[in-house]
PDB file of N, CA and C in Angstrom:
ATOM      1  N   MET A   1      76.824  66.253  96.586  1.00  0.00           N
ATOM      2  CA  MET A   1      77.863  67.318  96.188  1.00  0.00           C
ATOM      3  C   MET A   1      77.610  68.674  96.736  1.00  0.00           C
ATOM      4  N   THR A   2      78.934  69.051  97.420  1.00  0.00           N
ATOM      5  CA  THR A   2      79.077  70.134  98.160  1.00  0.00           C
ATOM      6  C   THR A   2      79.239  71.461  97.524  1.00  0.00           C
ATOM      7  N   SER A   3      78.088  72.421  97.759  1.00  0.00           N
ATOM      8  CA  SER A   3      78.260  74.084  96.979  1.00  0.00           C
ATOM      9  C   SER A   3      79.471  74.556  97.389  1.00  0.00           C
ATOM     10  N   PRO A   4      80.251  75.192  96.458  1.00  0.00           N
ATOM     11  CA  PRO A   4      80.962  75.992  96.901  1.00  0.00           C
ATOM     12  C   PRO A   4      80.683  76.927  97.966  1.00  0.00           C
ATOM     13  N   TYR A   5      79.345  77.463  98.005  1.00  0.00           N
ATOM     14  CA  TYR A   5      79.082  78.555  99.073  1.00  0.00           C
ATOM     15  C   TYR A   5      79.032  78.012 100.379  1.00  0.00           C
ATOM     16  N   THR A   6      78.711  76.625 100.498  1.00  0.00           N
ATOM     17  CA  THR A   6      78.670  76.080 101.920  1.00  0.00           C
ATOM     18  C   THR A   6      79.955  75.597 102.273  1.00  0.00           C
ATOM     19  N   LEU A   7      80.672  75.613 101.483  1.00  0.00           N
ATOM     20  CA  LEU A   7      82.041  74.903 101.549  1.00  0.00           C
ATOM     21  C   LEU A   7      82.857  76.576 102.400  1.00  0.00           C
ATOM     22  N   LEU A   8      82.669  77.577 101.592  1.00  0.00           N
ATOM     23  CA  LEU A   8      83.246  78.967 102.237  1.00  0.00           C
ATOM     24  C   LEU A   8      82.702  79.325 103.901  1.00  0.00           C
ATOM     25  N   VAL A   9      81.498  79.004 103.528  1.00  0.00           N
ATOM     26  CA  VAL A   9      80.807  79.230 105.146  1.00  0.00           C
ATOM     27  C   VAL A   9      81.625  78.553 106.008  1.00  0.00           C
ATOM     28  N   ASP A  10      81.587  76.902 105.996  1.00  0.00           N
ATOM     29  CA  ASP A  10      82.263  76.016 106.724  1.00  0.00           C
ATOM     30  C   ASP A  10      83.914  76.432 107.265  1.00  0.00           C
ATOM     31  N   SER A  11      84.357  77.275 106.371  1.00  0.00           N
ATOM     32  CA  SER A  11      85.875  77.476 106.187  1.00  0.00           C
ATOM     33  C   SER A  11      85.630  78.612 107.103  1.00  0.00           C
ATOM     34  N   LEU A  12      84.830  79.627 106.967  1.00  0.00           N
ATOM     35  CA  LEU A  12      84.945  80.670 107.821  1.00  0.00           C
ATOM     36  C   LEU A  12      84.533  80.425 109.187  1.00  0.00           C
ATOM     37  N   LEU A  13      83.787  79.506 109.388  1.00  0.00           N
ATOM     38  CA  LEU A  13      83.057  79.148 110.735  1.00  0.00           C
ATOM     39  C   LEU A  13      84.712  78.535 111.208  1.00  0.00           C
ATOM     40  N   MET A  14      85.124  78.031 110.847  1.00  0.00           N
ATOM     41  CA  MET A  14      86.180  76.863 111.225  1.00  0.00           C
ATOM     42  C   MET A  14      87.374  78.022 111.798  1.00  0.00           C
ATOM     43  N   ALA A  15      87.691  78.986 110.534  1.00  0.00           N
ATOM     44  CA  ALA A  15      88.685  80.215 111.049  1.00  0.00           C
ATOM     45  C   ALA A  15      88.011  80.917 111.857  1.00  0.00           C
ATOM     46  N   PHE A  16      87.087  81.257 112.313  1.00  0.00           N
ATOM     47  CA  PHE A  16      86.562  82.363 113.671  1.00  0.00           C
ATOM     48  C   PHE A  16      86.575  81.036 114.408  1.00  0.00           C
ATOM     49  N   GLN A  17      86.455  80.081 114.693  1.00  0.00           N
ATOM     50  CA  GLN A  17      86.273  79.453 115.836  1.00  0.00           C
ATOM     51  C   GLN A  17      87.964  78.937 116.320  1.00  0.00           C
ATOM     52  N   LEU A  18      88.696  79.054 115.470  1.00  0.00           N
ATOM     53  CA  LEU A  18      90.293  78.686 115.728  1.00  0.00           C
ATOM     54  C   LEU A  18      90.950  80.075 116.569  1.00  0.00           C
ATOM     55  N   TYR A  19      90.204  81.345 115.650  1.00  0.00           N
ATOM     56  CA  TYR A  19      90.842  82.458 116.269  1.00  0.00           C
ATOM     57  C   TYR A  19      90.425  82.678 117.664  1.00  0.00           C
ATOM     58  N   ALA A  20      89.184  82.339 117.841  1.00  0.00           N
ATOM     59  CA  ALA A  20      88.686  82.328 119.218  1.00  0.00           C
ATOM     60  C   ALA A  20      89.404  81.685 120.174  1.00  0.00           C
ATOM     61  N   VAL A  21      89.540  80.288 119.804  1.00  0.00           N
ATOM     62  CA  VAL A  21      90.053  79.674 120.868  1.00  0.00           C
ATOM     63  C   VAL A  21      91.809  79.621 121.027  1.00  0.00           C
ATOM     64  N   LEU A  22      92.566  80.372 119.831  1.00  0.00           N
ATOM     65  CA  LEU A  22      93.780  80.955 120.308  1.00  0.00           C
ATOM     66  C   LEU A  22      94.048  82.058 120.863  1.00  0.00           C
ATOM     67  N   ASN A  23      93.201  82.978 120.421  1.00  0.00           N
ATOM     68  CA  ASN A  23      93.197  84.122 121.138  1.00  0.00           C
ATOM     69  C   ASN A  23      94.254  84.753 121.028  1.00  0.00           C
ATOM     70  N   PRO A  24      94.567  85.309 120.038  1.00  0.00           N
ATOM     71  CA  PRO A  24      96.181  86.146 119.705  1.00  0.00           C
ATOM     72  C   PRO A  24      96.159  87.389 120.203  1.00  0.00           C
ATOM     73  N   VAL A  25      95.002  88.233 120.586  1.00  0.00           N
ATOM     74  CA  VAL A  25      95.354  89.527 121.041  1.00  0.00           C
ATOM     75  C   VAL A  25      95.653  89.480 122.433  1.00  0.00           C
ATOM     76  N   SER A  26      95.220  88.736 123.203  1.00  0.00           N
ATOM     77  CA  SER A  26      95.472  88.211 124.468  1.00  0.00           C
ATOM     78  C   SER A  26      97.198  87.826 124.754  1.00  0.00           C
ATOM     79  N   VAL A  27      97.811  87.415 123.385  1.00  0.00           N
ATOM     80  CA  VAL A  27      99.162  86.816 123.647  1.00  0.00           C
ATOM     81  C   VAL A  27     100.319  88.198 123.428  1.00  0.00           C
ATOM     82  N   ILE A  28      99.612  88.982 122.511  1.00  0.00           N
ATOM     83  CA  ILE A  28     100.452  90.199 121.990  1.00  0.00           C
ATOM     84  C   ILE A  28     101.286  90.667 123.323  1.00  0.00           C
ATOM     85  N   PRO A  29     101.208  91.126 124.441  1.00  0.00           N
ATOM     86  CA  PRO A  29     101.681  91.732 125.811  1.00  0.00           C
ATOM     87  C   PRO A  29     102.739  91.055 125.819  1.00  0.00           C
ATOM     88  N   THR A  30     102.516  89.524 126.088  1.00  0.00           N
ATOM     89  CA  THR A  30     103.445  88.645 126.656  1.00  0.00           C
ATOM     90  C   THR A  30     104.531  88.386 125.740  1.00  0.00           C
ATOM     91  N   PHE A  31     104.334  88.530 124.472  1.00  0.00           N
ATOM     92  CA  PHE A  31     105.135  87.957 123.443  1.00  0.00           C
ATOM     93  C   PHE A  31     105.902  89.240 123.314  1.00  0.00           C
ATOM     94  N   MET A  32     105.230  90.436 123.393  1.00  0.00           N
ATOM     95  CA  MET A  32     106.333  91.783 123.224  1.00  0.00           C
ATOM     96  C   MET A  32     107.149  92.021 124.519  1.00  0.00           C
ATOM     97  N   SER A  33     106.524  91.591 125.460  1.00  0.00           N
ATOM     98  CA  SER A  33     107.712  91.504 126.970  1.00  0.00           C
ATOM     99  C   SER A  33     108.711  90.776 126.619  1.00  0.00           C
ATOM    100  N   LEU A  34     108.607  89.872 126.074  1.00  0.00           N
ATOM    101  CA  LEU A  34     109.776  88.602 125.867  1.00  0.00           C
ATOM    102  C   LEU A  34     110.719  88.951 124.878  1.00  0.00           C
ATOM    103  N   ILE A  35     110.361  89.725 123.647  1.00  0.00           N
ATOM    104  CA  ILE A  35     111.344  90.059 122.526  1.00  0.00           C
ATOM    105  C   ILE A  35     111.386  91.598 122.551  1.00  0.00           C
ATOM    106  N   GLY A  36     110.786  92.624 123.552  1.00  0.00           N
ATOM    107  CA  GLY A  36     110.883  93.737 123.278  1.00  0.00           C
ATOM    108  C   GLY A  36     111.997  94.614 123.211  1.00  0.00           C
ATOM    109  N   ASP A  37     113.289  93.908 123.592  1.00  0.00           N
ATOM    110  CA  ASP A  37     114.438  95.067 123.395  1.00  0.00           C
ATOM    111  C   ASP A  37     115.516  94.213 122.214  1.00  0.00           C
ATOM    112  N   ARG A  38     114.775  93.689 121.421  1.00  0.00           N
ATOM    113  CA  ARG A  38     115.527  92.487 120.184  1.00  0.00           C
ATOM    114  C   ARG A  38     115.499  93.626 119.167  1.00  0.00           C
ATOM    115  N   SER A  39     116.439  93.625 117.973  1.00  0.00           N
ATOM    116  CA  SER A  39     116.134  94.197 116.683  1.00  0.00           C
ATOM    117  C   SER A  39     115.338  93.833 116.006  1.00  0.00           C
ATOM    118  N   ARG A  40     115.197  94.462 114.799  1.00  0.00           N
ATOM    119  CA  ARG A  40     113.939  94.054 113.959  1.00  0.00           C
ATOM    120  C   ARG A  40     113.869  92.816 113.476  1.00  0.00           C
ATOM    121  N   ALA A  41     115.127  92.569 113.013  1.00  0.00           N
ATOM    122  CA  ALA A  41     115.519  91.354 112.233  1.00  0.00           C
ATOM    123  C   ALA A  41     115.519  90.171 113.170  1.00  0.00           C
ATOM    124  N   GLU A  42     115.523  90.285 114.602  1.00  0.00           N
ATOM    125  CA  GLU A  42     115.336  89.209 115.632  1.00  0.00           C
ATOM    126  C   GLU A  42     114.103  88.725 115.703  1.00  0.00           C
ATOM    127  N   LYS A  43     113.107  90.080 115.913  1.00  0.00           N
ATOM    128  CA  LYS A  43     111.723  89.851 116.198  1.00  0.00           C
ATOM    129  C   LYS A  43     111.096  89.393 115.015  1.00  0.00           C
ATOM    130  N   ALA A  44     111.515  89.700 113.755  1.00  0.00           N
ATOM    131  CA  ALA A  44     110.855  88.973 112.859  1.00  0.00           C
ATOM    132  C   ALA A  44     111.344  87.437 112.861  1.00  0.00           C
ATOM    133  N   VAL A  45     112.343  87.026 112.960  1.00  0.00           N
ATOM    134  CA  VAL A  45     112.985  85.493 113.297  1.00  0.00           C
ATOM    135  C   VAL A  45     111.723  84.861 114.380  1.00  0.00           C
ATOM    136  N   ALA A  46     111.874  85.839 115.360  1.00  0.00           N
ATOM    137  CA  ALA A  46     111.044  84.985 116.578  1.00  0.00           C
ATOM    138  C   ALA A  46     109.604  85.010 116.206  1.00  0.00           C
ATOM    139  N   VAL A  47     108.991  85.710 115.562  1.00  0.00           N
ATOM    140  CA  VAL A  47     107.521  86.024 114.817  1.00  0.00           C
ATOM    141  C   VAL A  47     107.398  84.600 114.007  1.00  0.00           C
ATOM    142  N   ARG A  48     108.059  84.303 113.213  1.00  0.00           N
ATOM    143  CA  ARG A  48     108.033  83.364 112.242  1.00  0.00           C
ATOM    144  C   ARG A  48     108.205  81.958 113.081  1.00  0.00           C
ATOM    145  N   ARG A  49     109.252  81.936 113.827  1.00  0.00           N
ATOM    146  CA  ARG A  49     109.424  80.351 114.667  1.00  0.00           C
ATOM    147  C   ARG A  49     108.338  80.287 115.316  1.00  0.00           C
ATOM    148  N   ALA A  50     107.601  81.299 116.249  1.00  0.00           N
ATOM    149  CA  ALA A  50     106.380  81.197 117.070  1.00  0.00           C
ATOM    150  C   ALA A  50     105.246  80.294 116.176  1.00  0.00           C
ATOM    151  N   SER A  51     105.263  81.316 114.822  1.00  0.00           N
ATOM    152  CA  SER A  51     104.007  81.275 113.839  1.00  0.00           C
ATOM    153  C   SER A  51     104.173  79.502 113.564  1.00  0.00           C
ATOM    154  N   LEU A  52     105.207  79.023 113.387  1.00  0.00           N
ATOM    155  CA  LEU A  52     105.619  77.623 112.700  1.00  0.00           C
ATOM    156  C   LEU A  52     105.333  76.589 113.665  1.00  0.00           C
ATOM    157  N   TYR A  53     105.621  76.897 114.828  1.00  0.00           N
ATOM    158  CA  TYR A  53     105.010  76.170 116.489  1.00  0.00           C
ATOM    159  C   TYR A  53     103.951  76.269 116.742  1.00  0.00           C
ATOM    160  N   VAL A  54     102.926  77.354 116.160  1.00  0.00           N
ATOM    161  CA  VAL A  54     101.664  77.112 116.231  1.00  0.00           C
ATOM    162  C   VAL A  54     101.175  76.214 115.346  1.00  0.00           C
ATOM    163  N   VAL A  55     101.368  76.494 114.259  1.00  0.00           N
ATOM    164  CA  VAL A  55     100.823  75.792 113.364  1.00  0.00           C
ATOM    165  C   VAL A  55     101.080  74.159 113.225  1.00  0.00           C
ATOM    166  N   VAL A  56     102.441  73.713 113.512  1.00  0.00           N
ATOM    167  CA  VAL A  56     102.725  72.287 113.728  1.00  0.00           C
ATOM    168  C   VAL A  56     101.850  71.825 114.835  1.00  0.00           C
ATOM    169  N   LEU A  57     101.401  72.560 116.185  1.00  0.00           N
ATOM    170  CA  LEU A  57     101.137  72.275 117.175  1.00  0.00           C
ATOM    171  C   LEU A  57      99.604  72.049 116.950  1.00  0.00           C
ATOM    172  N   MET A  58      99.136  72.891 116.005  1.00  0.00           N
ATOM    173  CA  MET A  58      97.309  72.579 115.890  1.00  0.00           C
ATOM    174  C   MET A  58      97.516  71.263 114.567  1.00  0.00           C
ATOM    175  N   ALA A  59      98.291  71.497 113.917  1.00  0.00           N
ATOM    176  CA  ALA A  59      97.885  70.285 113.200  1.00  0.00           C
ATOM    177  C   ALA A  59      98.119  68.731 113.805  1.00  0.00           C
ATOM    178  N   ILE A  60      99.244  68.603 114.838  1.00  0.00           N
ATOM    179  CA  ILE A  60      99.311  67.431 115.356  1.00  0.00           C
ATOM    180  C   ILE A  60      97.983  67.218 116.389  1.00  0.00           C
ATOM    181  N   PHE A  61      97.579  68.153 116.893  1.00  0.00           N
ATOM    182  CA  PHE A  61      96.103  68.197 117.547  1.00  0.00           C
ATOM    183  C   PHE A  61      94.974  67.647 116.988  1.00  0.00           C
ATOM    184  N   SER A  62      95.011  68.371 115.802  1.00  0.00           N
ATOM    185  CA  SER A  62      93.777  68.189 114.950  1.00  0.00           C
ATOM    186  C   SER A  62      93.808  66.856 114.333  1.00  0.00           C
ATOM    187  N   ILE A  63      95.059  66.211 114.397  1.00  0.00           N
ATOM    188  CA  ILE A  63      94.962  64.766 113.679  1.00  0.00           C
ATOM    189  C   ILE A  63      95.091  63.955 114.889  1.00  0.00           C
ATOM    190  N   LEU A  64      95.589  64.287 115.952  1.00  0.00           N
ATOM    191  CA  LEU A  64      95.559  63.538 117.093  1.00  0.00           C
ATOM    192  C   LEU A  64      94.644  63.417 118.569  1.00  0.00           C
ATOM    193  N   GLY A  65      94.021  64.413 117.990  1.00  0.00           N
ATOM    194  CA  GLY A  65      93.317  64.800 119.091  1.00  0.00           C
ATOM    195  C   GLY A  65      91.901  63.676 119.445  1.00  0.00           C
ATOM    196  N   GLY A  66      91.288  63.475 118.651  1.00  0.00           N
ATOM    197  CA  GLY A  66      90.312  62.384 119.062  1.00  0.00           C
ATOM    198  C   GLY A  66      90.928  60.862 120.029  1.00  0.00           C
ATOM    199  N   THR A  67      92.267  60.839 119.398  1.00  0.00           N
ATOM    200  CA  THR A  67      92.432  59.746 119.712  1.00  0.00           C
ATOM    201  C   THR A  67      93.147  59.849 121.117  1.00  0.00           C
ATOM    202  N   MET A  68      94.008  61.175 121.546  1.00  0.00           N
ATOM    203  CA  MET A  68      94.003  61.423 122.822  1.00  0.00           C
ATOM    204  C   MET A  68      92.666  61.653 123.819  1.00  0.00           C
ATOM    205  N   LEU A  69      91.942  62.158 123.180  1.00  0.00           N
ATOM    206  CA  LEU A  69      90.618  62.252 124.280  1.00  0.00           C
ATOM    207  C   LEU A  69      89.529  60.671 124.475  1.00  0.00           C
ATOM    208  N   LYS A  70      89.846  59.824 123.627  1.00  0.00           N
ATOM    209  CA  LYS A  70      89.675  58.338 123.827  1.00  0.00           C
ATOM    210  C   LYS A  70      90.502  57.766 124.671  1.00  0.00           C
ATOM    211  N   PHE A  71      91.885  58.017 124.583  1.00  0.00           N
ATOM    212  CA  PHE A  71      92.657  57.423 125.664  1.00  0.00           C
ATOM    213  C   PHE A  71      92.445  57.991 127.176  1.00  0.00           C
ATOM    214  N   LEU A  72      91.941  59.105 127.317  1.00  0.00           N
ATOM    215  CA  LEU A  72      91.433  59.783 128.724  1.00  0.00           C
ATOM    216  C   LEU A  72      90.268  59.242 129.241  1.00  0.00           C
ATOM    217  N   THR A  73      89.567  58.764 128.495  1.00  0.00           N
ATOM    218  CA  THR A  73      88.184  58.181 128.612  1.00  0.00           C
ATOM    219  C   THR A  73      88.077  56.971 128.995  1.00  0.00           C
TER     220      THR A  73
END
């Protein structure tokens, strides 16, 4: 049986690894240059849409990533 502490540590490590791979800080200037002249409401919609796309793509690659890598080798 896994202790809650181990689960918490593993979850935090995975979150940190995803943060390092996605590197959201480096994307901010590009994103802002693309939506800089839009209204506040349009910016909010763009942020929500981009976030949804990222979550969907991460889920797809998490599920199918191993299969894709096996196909390439």
